[in-house]
Amino acid sequence: MEKPKHHILVCCSFRTSGQPQGVCHKKGAGGFLPYLESEISDRGIEGVQVSSTGCLKACDRGPILVVYPENYWYGNVENEGVIDEILDALEKGEAAKQYLLT
C-alpha cells in the first residue's frame, strides 16, 4: 500500500464504548464518509484516504473535518456544499479559509 498524500478525518463522535453520541454524529457526519469517497473518486483526486474518528473535542464547532498533513481543522461542516468547497481548495493546494478553526 502506498502512503496517502492527504488523510481526511471526519469526526463521528465515537466514545470509548464505541457508541457515537456527540454533536458531529447528531448532525450527520457519518453520512459524509460515502460522499467524500465518491466525490474524491469522481474528481479523480489520487492519494487521499478518508477515515472516521472518535470525538475530536470541538463539539461547539461540529461537524469537524481534519485534513493531514496540512493540519487544516474545519468546523461547521454541515452539508455536502461545504465538503465541495473543502475539496476544491484541496485540489488547488489551499485551505477553505472560511471554515478553518483557529
N, C-alpha and C. Protein backbone atom coordinates (compact mmCIF):
# COMPACT_ATOMS: atom_id res chain seq x y z
N MET A 1 0.83 -1.19 0.00
CA MET A 1 0.00 0.00 0.00
C MET A 1 0.88 1.25 0.00
N GLU A 2 0.53 2.17 -0.85
CA GLU A 2 1.25 3.43 -0.90
C GLU A 2 0.65 4.40 0.12
N LYS A 3 1.51 5.13 0.81
CA LYS A 3 1.01 6.11 1.78
C LYS A 3 0.22 7.20 1.07
N PRO A 4 -0.90 7.62 1.66
CA PRO A 4 -1.68 8.68 1.03
C PRO A 4 -0.98 10.03 1.13
N LYS A 5 -1.26 10.91 0.17
CA LYS A 5 -0.76 12.28 0.22
C LYS A 5 -1.54 13.10 1.24
N HIS A 6 -2.83 12.79 1.35
CA HIS A 6 -3.71 13.50 2.28
C HIS A 6 -4.56 12.48 3.02
N HIS A 7 -4.83 12.78 4.26
CA HIS A 7 -5.72 11.95 5.08
C HIS A 7 -6.80 12.86 5.61
N ILE A 8 -8.05 12.57 5.26
CA ILE A 8 -9.19 13.36 5.73
C ILE A 8 -9.86 12.59 6.85
N LEU A 9 -9.92 13.22 8.01
CA LEU A 9 -10.54 12.63 9.19
C LEU A 9 -11.89 13.30 9.42
N VAL A 10 -12.92 12.49 9.59
CA VAL A 10 -14.26 13.01 9.84
C VAL A 10 -14.65 12.60 11.25
N CYS A 11 -14.91 13.60 12.11
CA CYS A 11 -15.33 13.30 13.47
C CYS A 11 -16.73 12.68 13.42
N CYS A 12 -16.84 11.49 13.95
CA CYS A 12 -18.14 10.81 14.03
C CYS A 12 -18.57 10.61 15.48
N SER A 13 -17.87 11.27 16.38
CA SER A 13 -18.26 11.35 17.79
C SER A 13 -18.26 10.03 18.54
N PHE A 14 -17.48 9.05 18.09
CA PHE A 14 -17.43 7.79 18.81
C PHE A 14 -16.78 7.97 20.17
N ARG A 15 -17.32 7.34 21.16
CA ARG A 15 -16.76 7.36 22.51
C ARG A 15 -16.01 6.06 22.75
N THR A 16 -15.36 5.94 23.87
CA THR A 16 -14.57 4.74 24.16
C THR A 16 -15.44 3.48 24.17
N SER A 17 -16.71 3.62 24.42
CA SER A 17 -17.62 2.47 24.39
C SER A 17 -17.93 2.03 22.96
N GLY A 18 -17.54 2.85 21.98
CA GLY A 18 -17.81 2.55 20.59
C GLY A 18 -19.09 3.16 20.07
N GLN A 19 -19.85 3.79 20.94
CA GLN A 19 -21.13 4.39 20.55
C GLN A 19 -20.94 5.85 20.12
N PRO A 20 -21.53 6.24 18.98
CA PRO A 20 -21.50 7.65 18.58
C PRO A 20 -22.52 8.42 19.40
N GLN A 21 -22.10 9.53 20.03
CA GLN A 21 -23.01 10.24 20.92
C GLN A 21 -23.00 11.74 20.77
N GLY A 22 -22.00 12.32 20.16
CA GLY A 22 -21.82 13.76 20.20
C GLY A 22 -22.47 14.53 19.08
N VAL A 23 -22.13 15.79 19.01
CA VAL A 23 -22.70 16.75 18.07
C VAL A 23 -22.46 16.33 16.62
N CYS A 24 -21.24 15.96 16.29
CA CYS A 24 -20.92 15.63 14.89
C CYS A 24 -21.80 14.48 14.40
N HIS A 25 -21.94 13.46 15.23
CA HIS A 25 -22.79 12.33 14.87
C HIS A 25 -24.24 12.78 14.69
N LYS A 26 -24.73 13.57 15.62
CA LYS A 26 -26.12 14.02 15.57
C LYS A 26 -26.39 14.92 14.36
N LYS A 27 -25.35 15.59 13.87
CA LYS A 27 -25.50 16.45 12.69
C LYS A 27 -25.19 15.71 11.39
N GLY A 28 -25.07 14.39 11.44
CA GLY A 28 -24.95 13.58 10.23
C GLY A 28 -23.57 13.40 9.66
N ALA A 29 -22.53 13.59 10.45
CA ALA A 29 -21.17 13.49 9.92
C ALA A 29 -20.87 12.11 9.33
N GLY A 30 -21.47 11.07 9.85
CA GLY A 30 -21.24 9.73 9.32
C GLY A 30 -21.64 9.62 7.85
N GLY A 31 -22.64 10.38 7.44
CA GLY A 31 -23.07 10.38 6.05
C GLY A 31 -22.09 11.06 5.11
N PHE A 32 -21.14 11.80 5.67
CA PHE A 32 -20.14 12.48 4.84
C PHE A 32 -19.12 11.49 4.27
N LEU A 33 -18.92 10.37 4.95
CA LEU A 33 -17.89 9.42 4.53
C LEU A 33 -18.14 8.91 3.11
N PRO A 34 -19.32 8.35 2.81
CA PRO A 34 -19.52 7.89 1.43
C PRO A 34 -19.52 9.03 0.42
N TYR A 35 -20.02 10.20 0.82
CA TYR A 35 -20.00 11.34 -0.10
C TYR A 35 -18.56 11.73 -0.43
N LEU A 36 -17.71 11.83 0.59
CA LEU A 36 -16.30 12.16 0.37
C LEU A 36 -15.64 11.14 -0.55
N GLU A 37 -15.84 9.86 -0.27
CA GLU A 37 -15.23 8.81 -1.07
C GLU A 37 -15.67 8.91 -2.54
N SER A 38 -16.97 9.09 -2.77
CA SER A 38 -17.44 9.14 -4.15
C SER A 38 -16.99 10.43 -4.85
N GLU A 39 -16.99 11.54 -4.13
CA GLU A 39 -16.57 12.82 -4.73
C GLU A 39 -15.08 12.80 -5.07
N ILE A 40 -14.28 12.24 -4.19
CA ILE A 40 -12.84 12.12 -4.45
C ILE A 40 -12.61 11.26 -5.69
N SER A 41 -13.35 10.16 -5.79
CA SER A 41 -13.24 9.28 -6.95
C SER A 41 -13.71 9.98 -8.22
N ASP A 42 -14.87 10.64 -8.15
CA ASP A 42 -15.42 11.33 -9.32
C ASP A 42 -14.50 12.44 -9.83
N ARG A 43 -13.81 13.10 -8.90
CA ARG A 43 -12.90 14.18 -9.28
C ARG A 43 -11.54 13.67 -9.74
N GLY A 44 -11.29 12.39 -9.52
CA GLY A 44 -10.01 11.81 -9.90
C GLY A 44 -8.86 12.25 -9.00
N ILE A 45 -9.18 12.61 -7.77
CA ILE A 45 -8.13 13.02 -6.82
C ILE A 45 -7.45 11.76 -6.30
N GLU A 46 -6.17 11.67 -6.49
CA GLU A 46 -5.43 10.48 -6.06
C GLU A 46 -4.70 10.74 -4.76
N GLY A 47 -4.46 9.67 -4.01
CA GLY A 47 -3.66 9.76 -2.81
C GLY A 47 -4.39 10.35 -1.61
N VAL A 48 -5.70 10.17 -1.55
CA VAL A 48 -6.47 10.67 -0.41
C VAL A 48 -7.16 9.51 0.29
N GLN A 49 -6.97 9.43 1.58
CA GLN A 49 -7.64 8.43 2.41
C GLN A 49 -8.63 9.14 3.31
N VAL A 50 -9.81 8.55 3.50
CA VAL A 50 -10.86 9.11 4.35
C VAL A 50 -11.10 8.15 5.50
N SER A 51 -11.15 8.68 6.72
CA SER A 51 -11.40 7.86 7.91
C SER A 51 -12.35 8.56 8.86
N SER A 52 -13.13 7.78 9.58
CA SER A 52 -13.94 8.34 10.67
C SER A 52 -13.12 8.29 11.95
N THR A 53 -13.43 9.17 12.87
CA THR A 53 -12.68 9.22 14.13
C THR A 53 -13.63 9.25 15.32
N GLY A 54 -13.03 9.07 16.47
CA GLY A 54 -13.74 9.33 17.71
C GLY A 54 -13.88 10.83 17.88
N CYS A 55 -14.41 11.24 18.98
CA CYS A 55 -14.66 12.66 19.25
C CYS A 55 -13.34 13.45 19.19
N LEU A 56 -13.36 14.55 18.45
CA LEU A 56 -12.18 15.41 18.32
C LEU A 56 -12.23 16.60 19.27
N LYS A 57 -13.20 16.61 20.16
CA LYS A 57 -13.29 17.59 21.26
C LYS A 57 -13.46 19.03 20.80
N ALA A 58 -14.18 19.22 19.70
CA ALA A 58 -14.51 20.56 19.23
C ALA A 58 -16.01 20.62 18.94
N CYS A 59 -16.78 20.06 19.86
CA CYS A 59 -18.22 19.87 19.65
C CYS A 59 -18.97 21.17 19.36
N ASP A 60 -18.52 22.26 19.94
CA ASP A 60 -19.22 23.53 19.74
C ASP A 60 -19.09 24.04 18.30
N ARG A 61 -18.19 23.42 17.51
CA ARG A 61 -17.97 23.86 16.13
C ARG A 61 -18.25 22.73 15.13
N GLY A 62 -18.86 21.65 15.58
CA GLY A 62 -19.05 20.47 14.74
C GLY A 62 -20.16 20.62 13.73
N PRO A 63 -20.13 19.76 12.77
CA PRO A 63 -19.20 18.68 12.49
C PRO A 63 -17.79 19.17 12.12
N ILE A 64 -16.82 18.34 12.49
CA ILE A 64 -15.40 18.65 12.30
C ILE A 64 -14.82 17.72 11.24
N LEU A 65 -13.98 18.29 10.39
CA LEU A 65 -13.25 17.55 9.38
C LEU A 65 -11.81 18.04 9.42
N VAL A 66 -10.86 17.12 9.42
CA VAL A 66 -9.44 17.48 9.51
C VAL A 66 -8.71 16.92 8.29
N VAL A 67 -7.84 17.73 7.70
CA VAL A 67 -7.03 17.29 6.57
C VAL A 67 -5.56 17.30 6.99
N TYR A 68 -4.92 16.13 6.87
CA TYR A 68 -3.50 15.99 7.13
C TYR A 68 -2.79 15.65 5.84
N PRO A 69 -1.54 16.03 5.67
CA PRO A 69 -0.61 16.54 6.66
C PRO A 69 -0.69 18.05 6.87
N GLU A 70 -1.61 18.72 6.17
CA GLU A 70 -1.70 20.18 6.26
C GLU A 70 -2.14 20.67 7.64
N ASN A 71 -2.77 19.78 8.41
CA ASN A 71 -3.28 20.12 9.74
C ASN A 71 -4.36 21.20 9.66
N TYR A 72 -5.21 21.12 8.62
CA TYR A 72 -6.35 22.01 8.49
C TYR A 72 -7.52 21.41 9.27
N TRP A 73 -7.99 22.14 10.26
CA TRP A 73 -9.16 21.74 11.05
C TRP A 73 -10.33 22.59 10.60
N TYR A 74 -11.34 21.93 10.04
CA TYR A 74 -12.52 22.63 9.55
C TYR A 74 -13.69 22.39 10.49
N GLY A 75 -14.44 23.46 10.75
CA GLY A 75 -15.62 23.36 11.60
C GLY A 75 -16.88 23.75 10.85
N ASN A 76 -18.00 23.39 11.45
CA ASN A 76 -19.31 23.68 10.87
C ASN A 76 -19.45 23.13 9.45
N VAL A 77 -18.94 21.92 9.28
CA VAL A 77 -19.05 21.22 8.00
C VAL A 77 -20.42 20.54 8.01
N GLU A 78 -21.43 21.29 7.65
CA GLU A 78 -22.80 20.82 7.87
C GLU A 78 -23.51 20.30 6.63
N ASN A 79 -22.86 20.35 5.46
CA ASN A 79 -23.53 19.81 4.28
C ASN A 79 -22.50 19.51 3.18
N GLU A 80 -22.98 18.90 2.12
CA GLU A 80 -22.10 18.50 1.03
C GLU A 80 -21.50 19.70 0.30
N GLY A 81 -22.20 20.83 0.30
CA GLY A 81 -21.66 22.03 -0.33
C GLY A 81 -20.36 22.48 0.33
N VAL A 82 -20.32 22.39 1.66
CA VAL A 82 -19.10 22.75 2.39
C VAL A 82 -17.98 21.77 2.04
N ILE A 83 -18.32 20.50 1.98
CA ILE A 83 -17.32 19.49 1.60
C ILE A 83 -16.78 19.78 0.21
N ASP A 84 -17.66 20.16 -0.71
CA ASP A 84 -17.22 20.50 -2.06
C ASP A 84 -16.22 21.66 -2.03
N GLU A 85 -16.48 22.67 -1.22
CA GLU A 85 -15.56 23.81 -1.11
C GLU A 85 -14.22 23.37 -0.54
N ILE A 86 -14.24 22.49 0.44
CA ILE A 86 -13.01 21.98 1.03
C ILE A 86 -12.21 21.17 0.01
N LEU A 87 -12.90 20.33 -0.76
CA LEU A 87 -12.22 19.54 -1.80
C LEU A 87 -11.70 20.43 -2.92
N ASP A 88 -12.46 21.46 -3.29
CA ASP A 88 -11.97 22.42 -4.30
C ASP A 88 -10.65 23.04 -3.84
N ALA A 89 -10.60 23.45 -2.59
CA ALA A 89 -9.39 24.06 -2.03
C ALA A 89 -8.24 23.05 -1.99
N LEU A 90 -8.54 21.82 -1.59
CA LEU A 90 -7.52 20.78 -1.53
C LEU A 90 -6.90 20.56 -2.91
N GLU A 91 -7.74 20.54 -3.94
CA GLU A 91 -7.24 20.35 -5.31
C GLU A 91 -6.32 21.50 -5.73
N LYS A 92 -6.56 22.69 -5.21
CA LYS A 92 -5.74 23.85 -5.54
C LYS A 92 -4.52 23.98 -4.63
N GLY A 93 -4.42 23.09 -3.63
CA GLY A 93 -3.32 23.19 -2.68
C GLY A 93 -3.51 24.29 -1.66
N GLU A 94 -4.77 24.64 -1.41
CA GLU A 94 -5.10 25.73 -0.50
C GLU A 94 -6.02 25.23 0.62
N ALA A 95 -6.32 26.13 1.54
CA ALA A 95 -7.30 25.87 2.60
C ALA A 95 -8.59 26.55 2.24
N ALA A 96 -9.70 25.97 2.66
CA ALA A 96 -11.01 26.63 2.55
C ALA A 96 -11.13 27.51 3.79
N LYS A 97 -10.56 28.70 3.72
CA LYS A 97 -10.33 29.55 4.88
C LYS A 97 -11.57 29.87 5.70
N GLN A 98 -12.73 30.00 5.03
CA GLN A 98 -13.93 30.39 5.76
C GLN A 98 -14.40 29.32 6.76
N TYR A 99 -13.90 28.10 6.65
CA TYR A 99 -14.30 27.02 7.56
C TYR A 99 -13.20 26.60 8.53
N LEU A 100 -12.01 27.19 8.40
CA LEU A 100 -10.89 26.81 9.27
C LEU A 100 -11.17 27.19 10.72
N LEU A 101 -10.83 26.28 11.61
CA LEU A 101 -10.87 26.57 13.04
C LEU A 101 -9.55 27.24 13.42
N THR A 102 -9.62 28.25 14.25
CA THR A 102 -8.38 28.92 14.65
C THR A 102 -8.11 28.73 16.11
